Amino acid sequence: MSERVVLAYSGGLDTSVAIGWIAEETGAEVVAVAVDLGQGGEDLDTIRKRALDCGAVEAVVADARDEFADQYCLPALQANALYMERYPLVSALSRPVIVKHLAEAAKYHGATTVAHGCTGKGNDQVRFEVGIGALAPDLKVIAPVRDYAWTREKAIAWAEDRHLPIDVSKKSPYSVDQNVWGRAVETGFLEDIWNAPIEDVYSYTQNPAEPRDADELVITFDKGVPVAIDGETVTVLQAIQELNRRAGAQGVGRLDIVEDRLVGIKSREIYEAPGAIALITAHQELENVTLERDLARFKRQVEQRWGELVYDGLWFSPLKYALDSFIENTQQHVTGEIRLVLHGGRAVVTGRRSDESLYDFNLATYDEGDTFDQTLAKGFVQLWGLPSKIAAKRDLGR
């Protein structure tokens, strides 16, 4: 039996050409693996047929939309994960799902090697290869674009010479990666960081500057999981999809950021993540109501580190697993409802309600019914400031 290579397959030009190229260069049989993460576009049967027509001995297509939402997007939501405090990890979250399916396919089909279409300048090569190393350390990895200087021009010539069933005429001015959690756009004129993005860049969101009526909704959470929108029960996937639609229609979730890549360069990225931004906004506010102060403060530190680990391709790492356990523990009281108004590119919280709330009206009010004993405050303030006061006396020479 010939050696086998499992290829992460998108259905596009580069990975379609890679099927035959890998087979010729290595003598191995190629198994194509395509994973549906809610990115839209062609259906899985069409993608599977193209892979076989391009020379794959087998093509595996997996509908992983619910898996992605429940096991990857939900932990990111509960972590309020925003890399550099802005980016909701659109591409970074999708890679470990694909890696998991690649490793499973390699085991099932007896493959010795995994292949991907990443370049040597991006983060995804790290996410794929470190992930494979964690799940299936005996597998080898090849990356034709990176390792063999494979260019788009070479790919087009290869496809034309061999009459592959691929439309090579469509050349997008951008590089786009998308899934149900969001959409990432880069390259082209966007590489000049002085150039403003134009409306053609966007697909998941409408222009927030256009006049329209605001959209008000209520999101219900149960232990940190979104379970209903306006009283209608939803799965995690349905919650993301519905908020992509409603928040996207209001222009919510557009991001223009120069971010720090793992490989050491800065890269200009345009993101659209209407559902992710709306859900994280609501979840953060419910935590403000239900998490004890010191727990909330420490969780914010954990959230930043969690996001960095995921961005840096360490989803399957010991530290990430340990932080998962901490974050899961923090969600036991994150139950309640958040009212959001979506309008003009913003998701604004206007109401909070929870049986697990730590907000006590009678302690907070300045009006009739105030139960806060203000006579205790003077001594508290004196004791709280005592260390600073003693140090100040020493430093001032008194």
Foldseek 3Di string as FASTA:
>chain_A
DFAEEEEADDLALPRLLVQVVCCVVPVHAYEYEYEAQAFDDDDPVVSQVLSVLSRHPYYHYYDCNLVLLPPQLLLLLLLLADAVNHHSCFPLSVLLVSLVVSLVVCVVVVHQEYEYADAPPALSVQLNPVSNCLVPVRHHYDHCCHPVVDDLVNSVVSCVVVVRPHDSPDDDQWDWDGGLQKIKTFHHPVQPVVDDDDPVRDDLADQLPDDDDKDKWKFWDALSATQDINNHGDHSSRQSNVQSNRLRDNQAAWDWDFDQGPVGDTGTMIMRGRSSVLSSVQLVVLCVFQPDDVLVVVSNVLSNVLNVCSRNNNCVPPVNVVSSVSSSVRSNQSGWMWMWMRHSHDTDTDDTDGPNTPDDCLCPDPDPNNPPDCVVVVVVVCVVCVVVVVVVCVVVVD
